[in-house]
Amino acid sequence: MERMSNEPRFEVFRDNANEWRWRLVAANGQIIAASGEGYRSKQGAKRGIESVKKSAPKAEIQITDGN
């Protein structure tokens, strides 16, 4: 059964290569971010989430228009 939530959430799961990954899911169920790599352990994926949570508030917006 799929979990319904009114809050954004991080999901940790195994991919087809049996590696751990994470994704950030918005309150409406849309995936808005995902790990760019697979992790050997679930703990590694959780550390990746913590890194994003710590770094993102300081991230700047950079617009690249291809020129």
PDB file of N, CA and C in Angstrom:
ATOM      1  N   MET A   1       0.835  -1.179   0.000  1.00  0.00           N
ATOM      2  CA  MET A   1       0.000   0.000   0.000  1.00  0.00           C
ATOM      3  C   MET A   1       0.883   1.247   0.000  1.00  0.00           C
ATOM      4  N   GLU A   2       0.601   2.192  -0.861  1.00  0.00           N
ATOM      5  CA  GLU A   2       1.368   3.427  -0.972  1.00  0.00           C
ATOM      6  C   GLU A   2       0.999   4.362   0.169  1.00  0.00           C
ATOM      7  N   ARG A   3       2.008   4.966   0.752  1.00  0.00           N
ATOM      8  CA  ARG A   3       1.799   5.881   1.865  1.00  0.00           C
ATOM      9  C   ARG A   3       1.365   7.242   1.336  1.00  0.00           C
ATOM     10  N   MET A   4       0.284   7.773   1.849  1.00  0.00           N
ATOM     11  CA  MET A   4      -0.184   9.100   1.480  1.00  0.00           C
ATOM     12  C   MET A   4       0.210  10.046   2.609  1.00  0.00           C
ATOM     13  N   SER A   5       0.722  11.225   2.264  1.00  0.00           N
ATOM     14  CA  SER A   5       1.187  12.162   3.266  1.00  0.00           C
ATOM     15  C   SER A   5       0.900  13.582   2.812  1.00  0.00           C
ATOM     16  N   ASN A   6       0.709  14.445   3.764  1.00  0.00           N
ATOM     17  CA  ASN A   6       0.530  15.857   3.464  1.00  0.00           C
ATOM     18  C   ASN A   6       1.835  16.611   3.655  1.00  0.00           C
ATOM     19  N   GLU A   7       2.902  15.914   3.933  1.00  0.00           N
ATOM     20  CA  GLU A   7       4.209  16.518   4.173  1.00  0.00           C
ATOM     21  C   GLU A   7       5.225  15.956   3.186  1.00  0.00           C
ATOM     22  N   PRO A   8       6.228  16.756   2.810  1.00  0.00           N
ATOM     23  CA  PRO A   8       7.318  16.210   1.999  1.00  0.00           C
ATOM     24  C   PRO A   8       8.028  15.111   2.792  1.00  0.00           C
ATOM     25  N   ARG A   9       8.644  14.182   2.089  1.00  0.00           N
ATOM     26  CA  ARG A   9       9.329  13.077   2.773  1.00  0.00           C
ATOM     27  C   ARG A   9      10.486  12.573   1.929  1.00  0.00           C
ATOM     28  N   PHE A  10      11.475  12.032   2.596  1.00  0.00           N
ATOM     29  CA  PHE A  10      12.537  11.303   1.929  1.00  0.00           C
ATOM     30  C   PHE A  10      12.176   9.830   1.974  1.00  0.00           C
ATOM     31  N   GLU A  11      12.318   9.142   0.853  1.00  0.00           N
ATOM     32  CA  GLU A  11      12.117   7.694   0.781  1.00  0.00           C
ATOM     33  C   GLU A  11      13.460   7.041   0.476  1.00  0.00           C
ATOM     34  N   VAL A  12      13.751   5.957   1.177  1.00  0.00           N
ATOM     35  CA  VAL A  12      14.963   5.172   0.951  1.00  0.00           C
ATOM     36  C   VAL A  12      14.513   3.817   0.417  1.00  0.00           C
ATOM     37  N   PHE A  13      15.151   3.370  -0.681  1.00  0.00           N
ATOM     38  CA  PHE A  13      14.706   2.135  -1.324  1.00  0.00           C
ATOM     39  C   PHE A  13      15.870   1.469  -2.054  1.00  0.00           C
ATOM     40  N   ARG A  14      15.678   0.217  -2.417  1.00  0.00           N
ATOM     41  CA  ARG A  14      16.655  -0.518  -3.236  1.00  0.00           C
ATOM     42  C   ARG A  14      16.268  -0.386  -4.701  1.00  0.00           C
ATOM     43  N   ASP A  15      17.289  -0.176  -5.541  1.00  0.00           N
ATOM     44  CA  ASP A  15      17.031  -0.077  -6.976  1.00  0.00           C
ATOM     45  C   ASP A  15      17.188  -1.441  -7.642  1.00  0.00           C
ATOM     46  N   ASN A  16      17.096  -1.482  -8.968  1.00  0.00           N
ATOM     47  CA  ASN A  16      17.191  -2.751  -9.704  1.00  0.00           C
ATOM     48  C   ASN A  16      18.570  -3.392  -9.615  1.00  0.00           C
ATOM     49  N   ALA A  17      19.599  -2.584  -9.301  1.00  0.00           N
ATOM     50  CA  ALA A  17      20.958  -3.115  -9.143  1.00  0.00           C
ATOM     51  C   ALA A  17      21.222  -3.507  -7.692  1.00  0.00           C
ATOM     52  N   ASN A  18      20.178  -3.512  -6.862  1.00  0.00           N
ATOM     53  CA  ASN A  18      20.262  -3.868  -5.452  1.00  0.00           C
ATOM     54  C   ASN A  18      21.088  -2.869  -4.640  1.00  0.00           C
ATOM     55  N   GLU A  19      21.151  -1.628  -5.109  1.00  0.00           N
ATOM     56  CA  GLU A  19      21.821  -0.563  -4.366  1.00  0.00           C
ATOM     57  C   GLU A  19      20.753   0.299  -3.696  1.00  0.00           C
ATOM     58  N   TRP A  20      21.133   0.962  -2.616  1.00  0.00           N
ATOM     59  CA  TRP A  20      20.222   1.838  -1.894  1.00  0.00           C
ATOM     60  C   TRP A  20      20.215   3.224  -2.524  1.00  0.00           C
ATOM     61  N   ARG A  21      19.051   3.817  -2.630  1.00  0.00           N
ATOM     62  CA  ARG A  21      18.893   5.164  -3.165  1.00  0.00           C
ATOM     63  C   ARG A  21      17.884   5.915  -2.306  1.00  0.00           C
ATOM     64  N   TRP A  22      17.853   7.231  -2.482  1.00  0.00           N
ATOM     65  CA  TRP A  22      16.843   8.045  -1.810  1.00  0.00           C
ATOM     66  C   TRP A  22      16.170   8.943  -2.836  1.00  0.00           C
ATOM     67  N   ARG A  23      14.975   9.377  -2.499  1.00  0.00           N
ATOM     68  CA  ARG A  23      14.266  10.371  -3.305  1.00  0.00           C
ATOM     69  C   ARG A  23      13.484  11.265  -2.345  1.00  0.00           C
ATOM     70  N   LEU A  24      13.352  12.524  -2.738  1.00  0.00           N
ATOM     71  CA  LEU A  24      12.556  13.487  -1.979  1.00  0.00           C
ATOM     72  C   LEU A  24      11.225  13.623  -2.690  1.00  0.00           C
ATOM     73  N   VAL A  25      10.163  13.350  -1.957  1.00  0.00           N
ATOM     74  CA  VAL A  25       8.812  13.353  -2.528  1.00  0.00           C
ATOM     75  C   VAL A  25       8.033  14.519  -1.916  1.00  0.00           C
ATOM     76  N   ALA A  26       7.454  15.353  -2.773  1.00  0.00           N
ATOM     77  CA  ALA A  26       6.648  16.483  -2.317  1.00  0.00           C
ATOM     78  C   ALA A  26       5.337  15.984  -1.714  1.00  0.00           C
ATOM     79  N   ALA A  27       4.652  16.881  -1.009  1.00  0.00           N
ATOM     80  CA  ALA A  27       3.384  16.525  -0.369  1.00  0.00           C
ATOM     81  C   ALA A  27       2.357  16.004  -1.372  1.00  0.00           C
ATOM     82  N   ASN A  28       2.464  16.438  -2.642  1.00  0.00           N
ATOM     83  CA  ASN A  28       1.507  15.985  -3.662  1.00  0.00           C
ATOM     84  C   ASN A  28       1.911  14.659  -4.305  1.00  0.00           C
ATOM     85  N   GLY A  29       3.014  14.058  -3.828  1.00  0.00           N
ATOM     86  CA  GLY A  29       3.447  12.758  -4.339  1.00  0.00           C
ATOM     87  C   GLY A  29       4.454  12.819  -5.468  1.00  0.00           C
ATOM     88  N   GLN A  30       4.770  13.997  -5.955  1.00  0.00           N
ATOM     89  CA  GLN A  30       5.735  14.142  -7.044  1.00  0.00           C
ATOM     90  C   GLN A  30       7.164  14.035  -6.514  1.00  0.00           C
ATOM     91  N   ILE A  31       8.014  13.302  -7.229  1.00  0.00           N
ATOM     92  CA  ILE A  31       9.431  13.213  -6.883  1.00  0.00           C
ATOM     93  C   ILE A  31      10.086  14.514  -7.322  1.00  0.00           C
ATOM     94  N   ILE A  32      10.720  15.209  -6.379  1.00  0.00           N
ATOM     95  CA  ILE A  32      11.333  16.498  -6.702  1.00  0.00           C
ATOM     96  C   ILE A  32      12.853  16.464  -6.626  1.00  0.00           C
ATOM     97  N   ALA A  33      13.427  15.396  -6.085  1.00  0.00           N
ATOM     98  CA  ALA A  33      14.886  15.220  -6.072  1.00  0.00           C
ATOM     99  C   ALA A  33      15.170  13.742  -5.841  1.00  0.00           C
ATOM    100  N   ALA A  34      16.334  13.307  -6.321  1.00  0.00           N
ATOM    101  CA  ALA A  34      16.721  11.909  -6.143  1.00  0.00           C
ATOM    102  C   ALA A  34      18.231  11.804  -6.068  1.00  0.00           C
ATOM    103  N   SER A  35      18.698  10.764  -5.399  1.00  0.00           N
ATOM    104  CA  SER A  35      20.139  10.552  -5.304  1.00  0.00           C
ATOM    105  C   SER A  35      20.709  10.316  -6.690  1.00  0.00           C
ATOM    106  N   GLY A  36      21.859  10.865  -6.938  1.00  0.00           N
ATOM    107  CA  GLY A  36      22.507  10.695  -8.234  1.00  0.00           C
ATOM    108  C   GLY A  36      23.350   9.442  -8.295  1.00  0.00           C
ATOM    109  N   GLU A  37      23.390   8.714  -7.207  1.00  0.00           N
ATOM    110  CA  GLU A  37      24.193   7.502  -7.150  1.00  0.00           C
ATOM    111  C   GLU A  37      23.501   6.481  -6.266  1.00  0.00           C
ATOM    112  N   GLY A  38      23.886   5.228  -6.437  1.00  0.00           N
ATOM    113  CA  GLY A  38      23.421   4.172  -5.557  1.00  0.00           C
ATOM    114  C   GLY A  38      24.425   4.002  -4.424  1.00  0.00           C
ATOM    115  N   TYR A  39      23.960   3.561  -3.284  1.00  0.00           N
ATOM    116  CA  TYR A  39      24.798   3.344  -2.105  1.00  0.00           C
ATOM    117  C   TYR A  39      24.820   1.861  -1.773  1.00  0.00           C
ATOM    118  N   ARG A  40      25.941   1.410  -1.231  1.00  0.00           N
ATOM    119  CA  ARG A  40      26.054  -0.003  -0.859  1.00  0.00           C
ATOM    120  C   ARG A  40      25.213  -0.357   0.358  1.00  0.00           C
ATOM    121  N   SER A  41      24.981   0.637   1.218  1.00  0.00           N
ATOM    122  CA  SER A  41      24.217   0.370   2.437  1.00  0.00           C
ATOM    123  C   SER A  41      23.083   1.373   2.599  1.00  0.00           C
ATOM    124  N   LYS A  42      22.084   0.955   3.362  1.00  0.00           N
ATOM    125  CA  LYS A  42      20.982   1.851   3.682  1.00  0.00           C
ATOM    126  C   LYS A  42      21.513   3.047   4.479  1.00  0.00           C
ATOM    127  N   GLN A  43      22.470   2.800   5.361  1.00  0.00           N
ATOM    128  CA  GLN A  43      23.062   3.877   6.151  1.00  0.00           C
ATOM    129  C   GLN A  43      23.752   4.899   5.251  1.00  0.00           C
ATOM    130  N   GLY A  44      24.402   4.445   4.185  1.00  0.00           N
ATOM    131  CA  GLY A  44      25.023   5.358   3.228  1.00  0.00           C
ATOM    132  C   GLY A  44      23.997   6.270   2.583  1.00  0.00           C
ATOM    133  N   ALA A  45      22.852   5.717   2.225  1.00  0.00           N
ATOM    134  CA  ALA A  45      21.776   6.527   1.635  1.00  0.00           C
ATOM    135  C   ALA A  45      21.266   7.538   2.651  1.00  0.00           C
ATOM    136  N   LYS A  46      21.131   7.126   3.906  1.00  0.00           N
ATOM    137  CA  LYS A  46      20.687   8.048   4.950  1.00  0.00           C
ATOM    138  C   LYS A  46      21.703   9.168   5.161  1.00  0.00           C
ATOM    139  N   ARG A  47      22.990   8.849   5.072  1.00  0.00           N
ATOM    140  CA  ARG A  47      24.016   9.894   5.184  1.00  0.00           C
ATOM    141  C   ARG A  47      23.901  10.873   4.016  1.00  0.00           C
ATOM    142  N   GLY A  48      23.582  10.371   2.832  1.00  0.00           N
ATOM    143  CA  GLY A  48      23.369  11.237   1.673  1.00  0.00           C
ATOM    144  C   GLY A  48      22.210  12.199   1.908  1.00  0.00           C
ATOM    145  N   ILE A  49      21.136  11.716   2.505  1.00  0.00           N
ATOM    146  CA  ILE A  49      19.990  12.565   2.827  1.00  0.00           C
ATOM    147  C   ILE A  49      20.415  13.653   3.813  1.00  0.00           C
ATOM    148  N   GLU A  50      21.131  13.269   4.847  1.00  0.00           N
ATOM    149  CA  GLU A  50      21.566  14.248   5.847  1.00  0.00           C
ATOM    150  C   GLU A  50      22.463  15.308   5.221  1.00  0.00           C
ATOM    151  N   SER A  51      23.302  14.909   4.288  1.00  0.00           N
ATOM    152  CA  SER A  51      24.168  15.860   3.599  1.00  0.00           C
ATOM    153  C   SER A  51      23.340  16.875   2.815  1.00  0.00           C
ATOM    154  N   VAL A  52      22.326  16.403   2.112  1.00  0.00           N
ATOM    155  CA  VAL A  52      21.453  17.299   1.351  1.00  0.00           C
ATOM    156  C   VAL A  52      20.704  18.241   2.298  1.00  0.00           C
ATOM    157  N   LYS A  53      20.189  17.694   3.388  1.00  0.00           N
ATOM    158  CA  LYS A  53      19.432  18.515   4.335  1.00  0.00           C
ATOM    159  C   LYS A  53      20.304  19.618   4.928  1.00  0.00           C
ATOM    160  N   LYS A  54      21.563  19.332   5.182  1.00  0.00           N
ATOM    161  CA  LYS A  54      22.470  20.327   5.745  1.00  0.00           C
ATOM    162  C   LYS A  54      22.922  21.342   4.702  1.00  0.00           C
ATOM    163  N   SER A  55      23.145  20.906   3.484  1.00  0.00           N
ATOM    164  CA  SER A  55      23.700  21.766   2.436  1.00  0.00           C
ATOM    165  C   SER A  55      22.672  22.622   1.722  1.00  0.00           C
ATOM    166  N   ALA A  56      21.478  22.117   1.540  1.00  0.00           N
ATOM    167  CA  ALA A  56      20.488  22.792   0.703  1.00  0.00           C
ATOM    168  C   ALA A  56      20.109  24.197   1.169  1.00  0.00           C
ATOM    169  N   PRO A  57      19.956  24.474   2.460  1.00  0.00           N
ATOM    170  CA  PRO A  57      19.578  25.834   2.847  1.00  0.00           C
ATOM    171  C   PRO A  57      20.603  26.888   2.427  1.00  0.00           C
ATOM    172  N   LYS A  58      21.839  26.472   2.206  1.00  0.00           N
ATOM    173  CA  LYS A  58      22.899  27.401   1.822  1.00  0.00           C
ATOM    174  C   LYS A  58      23.122  27.443   0.313  1.00  0.00           C
ATOM    175  N   ALA A  59      22.438  26.586  -0.406  1.00  0.00           N
ATOM    176  CA  ALA A  59      22.655  26.497  -1.853  1.00  0.00           C
ATOM    177  C   ALA A  59      22.151  27.748  -2.563  1.00  0.00           C
ATOM    178  N   GLU A  60      22.963  28.244  -3.466  1.00  0.00           N
ATOM    179  CA  GLU A  60      22.579  29.389  -4.272  1.00  0.00           C
ATOM    180  C   GLU A  60      21.870  28.912  -5.533  1.00  0.00           C
ATOM    181  N   ILE A  61      21.106  29.786  -6.122  1.00  0.00           N
ATOM    182  CA  ILE A  61      20.451  29.493  -7.408  1.00  0.00           C
ATOM    183  C   ILE A  61      21.344  30.014  -8.500  1.00  0.00           C
ATOM    184  N   GLN A  62      21.683  29.142  -9.438  1.00  0.00           N
ATOM    185  CA  GLN A  62      22.501  29.535 -10.578  1.00  0.00           C
ATOM    186  C   GLN A  62      21.704  29.260 -11.832  1.00  0.00           C
ATOM    187  N   ILE A  63      21.482  30.275 -12.648  1.00  0.00           N
ATOM    188  CA  ILE A  63      20.725  30.130 -13.882  1.00  0.00           C
ATOM    189  C   ILE A  63      21.708  30.050 -15.040  1.00  0.00           C
ATOM    190  N   THR A  64      21.612  28.977 -15.774  1.00  0.00           N
ATOM    191  CA  THR A  64      22.472  28.775 -16.930  1.00  0.00           C
ATOM    192  C   THR A  64      21.587  28.787 -18.168  1.00  0.00           C
ATOM    193  N   ASP A  65      21.799  29.765 -19.031  1.00  0.00           N
ATOM    194  CA  ASP A  65      20.936  29.876 -20.199  1.00  0.00           C
ATOM    195  C   ASP A  65      21.586  29.379 -21.481  1.00  0.00           C
ATOM    196  N   GLY A  66      22.775  28.805 -21.372  1.00  0.00           N
ATOM    197  CA  GLY A  66      23.427  28.221 -22.527  1.00  0.00           C
ATOM    198  C   GLY A  66      24.193  29.206 -23.376  1.00  0.00           C
ATOM    199  N   ASN A  67      24.253  30.474 -23.031  1.00  0.00           N
ATOM    200  CA  ASN A  67      24.998  31.479 -23.784  1.00  0.00           C
ATOM    201  C   ASN A  67      26.349  31.739 -23.165  1.00  0.00           C
TER     202      ASN A  67
END
